[in-house]
């Protein structure tokens, strides 16, 4: 079961990293773009969901 949590945590972390990079790319292309806001909001939702997990599930106490 612990391995499953680690795997899920890694998948979530990867998704967050991908969105973060996408947000930076959009910002560099056009900082006033609606796309920057859209990606930022998606990232916020993912981060909030991640941080609301019990600490053993979100990997913050590793």
PDB file of N, CA and C in Angstrom:
ATOM      1  N   UNK A   1       0.826  -1.197   0.000  1.00  0.00           N
ATOM      2  CA  UNK A   1       0.000   0.000   0.000  1.00  0.00           C
ATOM      3  C   UNK A   1       0.871   1.262   0.000  1.00  0.00           C
ATOM      4  N   UNK A   2       1.974   1.230   0.714  1.00  0.00           N
ATOM      5  CA  UNK A   2       2.877   2.384   0.758  1.00  0.00           C
ATOM      6  C   UNK A   2       3.429   2.704  -0.628  1.00  0.00           C
ATOM      7  N   UNK A   3       3.735   1.679  -1.400  1.00  0.00           N
ATOM      8  CA  UNK A   3       4.240   1.874  -2.760  1.00  0.00           C
ATOM      9  C   UNK A   3       3.197   2.564  -3.635  1.00  0.00           C
ATOM     10  N   UNK A   4       1.926   2.212  -3.459  1.00  0.00           N
ATOM     11  CA  UNK A   4       0.847   2.849  -4.210  1.00  0.00           C
ATOM     12  C   UNK A   4       0.806   4.347  -3.915  1.00  0.00           C
ATOM     13  N   UNK A   5       0.951   4.728  -2.641  1.00  0.00           N
ATOM     14  CA  UNK A   5       0.956   6.147  -2.274  1.00  0.00           C
ATOM     15  C   UNK A   5       2.140   6.862  -2.908  1.00  0.00           C
ATOM     16  N   UNK A   6       3.308   6.212  -2.911  1.00  0.00           N
ATOM     17  CA  UNK A   6       4.481   6.825  -3.527  1.00  0.00           C
ATOM     18  C   UNK A   6       4.268   7.021  -5.021  1.00  0.00           C
ATOM     19  N   UNK A   7       3.688   6.028  -5.666  1.00  0.00           N
ATOM     20  CA  UNK A   7       3.435   6.123  -7.094  1.00  0.00           C
ATOM     21  C   UNK A   7       2.439   7.237  -7.385  1.00  0.00           C
ATOM     22  N   UNK A   8       1.348   7.293  -6.639  1.00  0.00           N
ATOM     23  CA  UNK A   8       0.352   8.340  -6.835  1.00  0.00           C
ATOM     24  C   UNK A   8       0.949   9.717  -6.566  1.00  0.00           C
ATOM     25  N   UNK A   9       1.782   9.815  -5.568  1.00  0.00           N
ATOM     26  CA  UNK A   9       2.436  11.083  -5.257  1.00  0.00           C
ATOM     27  C   UNK A   9       3.331  11.515  -6.407  1.00  0.00           C
ATOM     28  N   UNK A  10       4.095  10.587  -6.950  1.00  0.00           N
ATOM     29  CA  UNK A  10       4.987  10.907  -8.073  1.00  0.00           C
ATOM     30  C   UNK A  10       4.192  11.347  -9.301  1.00  0.00           C
ATOM     31  N   UNK A  11       3.063  10.700  -9.550  1.00  0.00           N
ATOM     32  CA  UNK A  11       2.224  11.073 -10.689  1.00  0.00           C
ATOM     33  C   UNK A  11       1.689  12.496 -10.482  1.00  0.00           C
ATOM     34  N   UNK A  12       1.214  12.787  -9.290  1.00  0.00           N
ATOM     35  CA  UNK A  12       0.711  14.138  -8.997  1.00  0.00           C
ATOM     36  C   UNK A  12       1.819  15.171  -9.143  1.00  0.00           C
ATOM     37  N   UNK A  13       2.990  14.849  -8.624  1.00  0.00           N
ATOM     38  CA  UNK A  13       4.117  15.779  -8.727  1.00  0.00           C
ATOM     39  C   UNK A  13       4.481  16.033 -10.194  1.00  0.00           C
ATOM     40  N   UNK A  14       4.451  14.995 -10.999  1.00  0.00           N
ATOM     41  CA  UNK A  14       4.767  15.143 -12.421  1.00  0.00           C
ATOM     42  C   UNK A  14       3.737  16.027 -13.119  1.00  0.00           C
ATOM     43  N   UNK A  15       2.463  15.822 -12.803  1.00  0.00           N
ATOM     44  CA  UNK A  15       1.411  16.654 -13.381  1.00  0.00           C
ATOM     45  C   UNK A  15       1.607  18.121 -12.991  1.00  0.00           C
ATOM     46  N   UNK A  16       1.957  18.358 -11.737  1.00  0.00           N
ATOM     47  CA  UNK A  16       2.186  19.727 -11.283  1.00  0.00           C
ATOM     48  C   UNK A  16       3.372  20.352 -12.014  1.00  0.00           C
ATOM     49  N   UNK A  17       4.414  19.588 -12.197  1.00  0.00           N
ATOM     50  CA  UNK A  17       5.603  20.085 -12.896  1.00  0.00           C
ATOM     51  C   UNK A  17       5.274  20.417 -14.351  1.00  0.00           C
ATOM     52  N   UNK A  18       4.519  19.561 -15.002  1.00  0.00           N
ATOM     53  CA  UNK A  18       4.135  19.802 -16.392  1.00  0.00           C
ATOM     54  C   UNK A  18       3.305  21.078 -16.506  1.00  0.00           C
ATOM     55  N   UNK A  19       2.333  21.240 -15.618  1.00  0.00           N
ATOM     56  CA  UNK A  19       1.509  22.452 -15.647  1.00  0.00           C
ATOM     57  C   UNK A  19       2.329  23.699 -15.334  1.00  0.00           C
ATOM     58  N   UNK A  20       3.249  23.588 -14.409  1.00  0.00           N
ATOM     59  CA  UNK A  20       4.095  24.730 -14.070  1.00  0.00           C
ATOM     60  C   UNK A  20       4.919  25.160 -15.279  1.00  0.00           C
ATOM     61  N   UNK A  21       5.503  24.210 -15.956  1.00  0.00           N
ATOM     62  CA  UNK A  21       6.292  24.524 -17.150  1.00  0.00           C
ATOM     63  C   UNK A  21       5.419  25.106 -18.262  1.00  0.00           C
ATOM     64  N   UNK A  22       4.216  24.564 -18.404  1.00  0.00           N
ATOM     65  CA  UNK A  22       3.273  25.086 -19.405  1.00  0.00           C
ATOM     66  C   UNK A  22       2.899  26.534 -19.079  1.00  0.00           C
ATOM     67  N   UNK A  23       2.678  26.806 -17.806  1.00  0.00           N
ATOM     68  CA  UNK A  23       2.342  28.166 -17.385  1.00  0.00           C
ATOM     69  C   UNK A  23       3.488  29.129 -17.723  1.00  0.00           C
ATOM     70  N   UNK A  24       4.718  28.739 -17.437  1.00  0.00           N
ATOM     71  CA  UNK A  24       5.872  29.586 -17.757  1.00  0.00           C
ATOM     72  C   UNK A  24       6.007  29.803 -19.259  1.00  0.00           C
ATOM     73  N   UNK A  25       5.767  28.737 -20.027  1.00  0.00           N
ATOM     74  CA  UNK A  25       5.853  28.869 -21.479  1.00  0.00           C
ATOM     75  C   UNK A  25       4.816  29.864 -21.994  1.00  0.00           C
ATOM     76  N   UNK A  26       3.591  29.725 -21.517  1.00  0.00           N
ATOM     77  CA  UNK A  26       2.518  30.641 -21.930  1.00  0.00           C
ATOM     78  C   UNK A  26       2.847  32.073 -21.529  1.00  0.00           C
ATOM     79  N   UNK A  27       3.379  32.237 -20.345  1.00  0.00           N
ATOM     80  CA  UNK A  27       3.732  33.571 -19.854  1.00  0.00           C
ATOM     81  C   UNK A  27       4.813  34.196 -20.728  1.00  0.00           C
ATOM     82  N   UNK A  28       5.799  33.410 -21.102  1.00  0.00           N
ATOM     83  CA  UNK A  28       6.887  33.939 -21.936  1.00  0.00           C
ATOM     84  C   UNK A  28       6.392  34.321 -23.325  1.00  0.00           C
ATOM     85  N   UNK A  29       5.423  33.583 -23.832  1.00  0.00           N
ATOM     86  CA  UNK A  29       4.885  33.881 -25.155  1.00  0.00           C
ATOM     87  C   UNK A  29       4.017  35.135 -25.140  1.00  0.00           C
ATOM     88  N   UNK A  30       3.194  35.262 -24.105  1.00  0.00           N
ATOM     89  CA  UNK A  30       2.302  36.415 -23.996  1.00  0.00           C
ATOM     90  C   UNK A  30       1.785  36.503 -22.568  1.00  0.00           C
ATOM     91  N   UNK A  31       2.417  37.346 -21.785  1.00  0.00           N
ATOM     92  CA  UNK A  31       2.075  37.410 -20.359  1.00  0.00           C
ATOM     93  C   UNK A  31       0.653  37.873 -20.102  1.00  0.00           C
ATOM     94  N   UNK A  32       0.012  38.504 -21.075  1.00  0.00           N
ATOM     95  CA  UNK A  32      -1.363  38.975 -20.914  1.00  0.00           C
ATOM     96  C   UNK A  32      -2.398  37.983 -21.444  1.00  0.00           C
ATOM     97  N   UNK A  33      -1.948  36.814 -21.822  1.00  0.00           N
ATOM     98  CA  UNK A  33      -2.812  35.805 -22.423  1.00  0.00           C
ATOM     99  C   UNK A  33      -3.760  35.192 -21.388  1.00  0.00           C
ATOM    100  N   UNK A  34      -4.959  34.894 -21.857  1.00  0.00           N
ATOM    101  CA  UNK A  34      -5.920  34.169 -21.020  1.00  0.00           C
ATOM    102  C   UNK A  34      -5.414  32.761 -20.711  1.00  0.00           C
ATOM    103  N   UNK A  35      -4.586  32.241 -21.593  1.00  0.00           N
ATOM    104  CA  UNK A  35      -4.036  30.894 -21.412  1.00  0.00           C
ATOM    105  C   UNK A  35      -3.183  30.817 -20.142  1.00  0.00           C
ATOM    106  N   UNK A  36      -2.460  31.884 -19.833  1.00  0.00           N
ATOM    107  CA  UNK A  36      -1.653  31.920 -18.604  1.00  0.00           C
ATOM    108  C   UNK A  36      -2.563  31.757 -17.397  1.00  0.00           C
ATOM    109  N   UNK A  37      -3.657  32.473 -17.392  1.00  0.00           N
ATOM    110  CA  UNK A  37      -4.605  32.401 -16.269  1.00  0.00           C
ATOM    111  C   UNK A  37      -5.226  31.010 -16.187  1.00  0.00           C
ATOM    112  N   UNK A  38      -5.613  30.471 -17.330  1.00  0.00           N
ATOM    113  CA  UNK A  38      -6.237  29.140 -17.363  1.00  0.00           C
ATOM    114  C   UNK A  38      -5.298  28.073 -16.790  1.00  0.00           C
ATOM    115  N   UNK A  39      -4.062  28.063 -17.251  1.00  0.00           N
ATOM    116  CA  UNK A  39      -3.097  27.070 -16.776  1.00  0.00           C
ATOM    117  C   UNK A  39      -2.790  27.289 -15.302  1.00  0.00           C
ATOM    118  N   UNK A  40      -2.668  28.554 -14.903  1.00  0.00           N
ATOM    119  CA  UNK A  40      -2.412  28.871 -13.502  1.00  0.00           C
ATOM    120  C   UNK A  40      -3.542  28.362 -12.606  1.00  0.00           C
ATOM    121  N   UNK A  41      -4.762  28.524 -13.039  1.00  0.00           N
ATOM    122  CA  UNK A  41      -5.907  28.040 -12.261  1.00  0.00           C
ATOM    123  C   UNK A  41      -5.930  26.514 -12.184  1.00  0.00           C
ATOM    124  N   UNK A  42      -5.576  25.851 -13.272  1.00  0.00           N
ATOM    125  CA  UNK A  42      -5.488  24.392 -13.254  1.00  0.00           C
ATOM    126  C   UNK A  42      -4.421  23.934 -12.261  1.00  0.00           C
ATOM    127  N   UNK A  43      -3.292  24.620 -12.287  1.00  0.00           N
ATOM    128  CA  UNK A  43      -2.212  24.286 -11.365  1.00  0.00           C
ATOM    129  C   UNK A  43      -2.645  24.532  -9.922  1.00  0.00           C
ATOM    130  N   UNK A  44      -3.321  25.643  -9.671  1.00  0.00           N
ATOM    131  CA  UNK A  44      -3.825  25.935  -8.323  1.00  0.00           C
ATOM    132  C   UNK A  44      -4.738  24.826  -7.814  1.00  0.00           C
ATOM    133  N   UNK A  45      -5.647  24.356  -8.676  1.00  0.00           N
ATOM    134  CA  UNK A  45      -6.562  23.284  -8.271  1.00  0.00           C
ATOM    135  C   UNK A  45      -5.801  22.014  -7.909  1.00  0.00           C
ATOM    136  N   UNK A  46      -4.824  21.680  -8.738  1.00  0.00           N
ATOM    137  CA  UNK A  46      -4.036  20.481  -8.491  1.00  0.00           C
ATOM    138  C   UNK A  46      -3.222  20.617  -7.200  1.00  0.00           C
ATOM    139  N   UNK A  47      -2.617  21.784  -6.996  1.00  0.00           N
ATOM    140  CA  UNK A  47      -1.849  22.014  -5.764  1.00  0.00           C
ATOM    141  C   UNK A  47      -2.743  21.967  -4.533  1.00  0.00           C
ATOM    142  N   UNK A  48      -3.903  22.585  -4.607  1.00  0.00           N
ATOM    143  CA  UNK A  48      -4.823  22.566  -3.466  1.00  0.00           C
ATOM    144  C   UNK A  48      -5.284  21.156  -3.144  1.00  0.00           C
ATOM    145  N   UNK A  49      -5.585  20.371  -4.167  1.00  0.00           N
ATOM    146  CA  UNK A  49      -5.996  18.979  -3.945  1.00  0.00           C
ATOM    147  C   UNK A  49      -4.843  18.187  -3.332  1.00  0.00           C
ATOM    148  N   UNK A  50      -3.646  18.409  -3.828  1.00  0.00           N
ATOM    149  CA  UNK A  50      -2.456  17.723  -3.321  1.00  0.00           C
ATOM    150  C   UNK A  50      -2.203  18.070  -1.858  1.00  0.00           C
ATOM    151  N   UNK A  51      -2.310  19.353  -1.541  1.00  0.00           N
ATOM    152  CA  UNK A  51      -2.032  19.794  -0.178  1.00  0.00           C
ATOM    153  C   UNK A  51      -3.128  19.408   0.810  1.00  0.00           C
ATOM    154  N   UNK A  52      -4.320  19.115   0.310  1.00  0.00           N
ATOM    155  CA  UNK A  52      -5.402  18.714   1.205  1.00  0.00           C
ATOM    156  C   UNK A  52      -5.339  17.236   1.571  1.00  0.00           C
ATOM    157  N   UNK A  53      -4.459  16.479   0.891  1.00  0.00           N
ATOM    158  CA  UNK A  53      -4.275  15.077   1.227  1.00  0.00           C
ATOM    159  C   UNK A  53      -3.594  14.949   2.583  1.00  0.00           C
ATOM    160  N   UNK A  54      -3.834  13.836   3.273  1.00  0.00           N
ATOM    161  CA  UNK A  54      -3.059  13.597   4.501  1.00  0.00           C
ATOM    162  C   UNK A  54      -1.568  13.650   4.168  1.00  0.00           C
ATOM    163  N   UNK A  55      -0.753  14.108   5.082  1.00  0.00           N
ATOM    164  CA  UNK A  55       0.671  14.333   4.815  1.00  0.00           C
ATOM    165  C   UNK A  55       1.388  13.093   4.285  1.00  0.00           C
ATOM    166  N   UNK A  56       0.992  11.902   4.698  1.00  0.00           N
ATOM    167  CA  UNK A  56       1.679  10.700   4.190  1.00  0.00           C
ATOM    168  C   UNK A  56       1.371  10.491   2.710  1.00  0.00           C
ATOM    169  N   UNK A  57       0.245  11.032   2.224  1.00  0.00           N
ATOM    170  CA  UNK A  57      -0.151  10.857   0.834  1.00  0.00           C
ATOM    171  C   UNK A  57       0.439  11.925  -0.087  1.00  0.00           C
ATOM    172  N   UNK A  58       0.763  13.085   0.462  1.00  0.00           N
ATOM    173  CA  UNK A  58       1.265  14.135  -0.413  1.00  0.00           C
ATOM    174  C   UNK A  58       2.783  14.209  -0.440  1.00  0.00           C
ATOM    175  N   UNK A  59       3.447  13.422   0.378  1.00  0.00           N
ATOM    176  CA  UNK A  59       4.894  13.325   0.322  1.00  0.00           C
ATOM    177  C   UNK A  59       5.636  14.505   0.934  1.00  0.00           C
ATOM    178  N   UNK A  60       4.943  15.415   1.591  1.00  0.00           N
ATOM    179  CA  UNK A  60       5.610  16.599   2.129  1.00  0.00           C
ATOM    180  C   UNK A  60       6.456  16.303   3.360  1.00  0.00           C
ATOM    181  N   UNK A  61       6.201  15.199   4.026  1.00  0.00           N
ATOM    182  CA  UNK A  61       6.966  14.868   5.215  1.00  0.00           C
ATOM    183  C   UNK A  61       8.026  13.810   4.931  1.00  0.00           C
ATOM    184  N   UNK A  62       8.356  13.606   3.660  1.00  0.00           N
ATOM    185  CA  UNK A  62       9.373  12.608   3.303  1.00  0.00           C
ATOM    186  C   UNK A  62      10.749  13.111   3.652  1.00  0.00           C
TER     187      UNK A  62
END
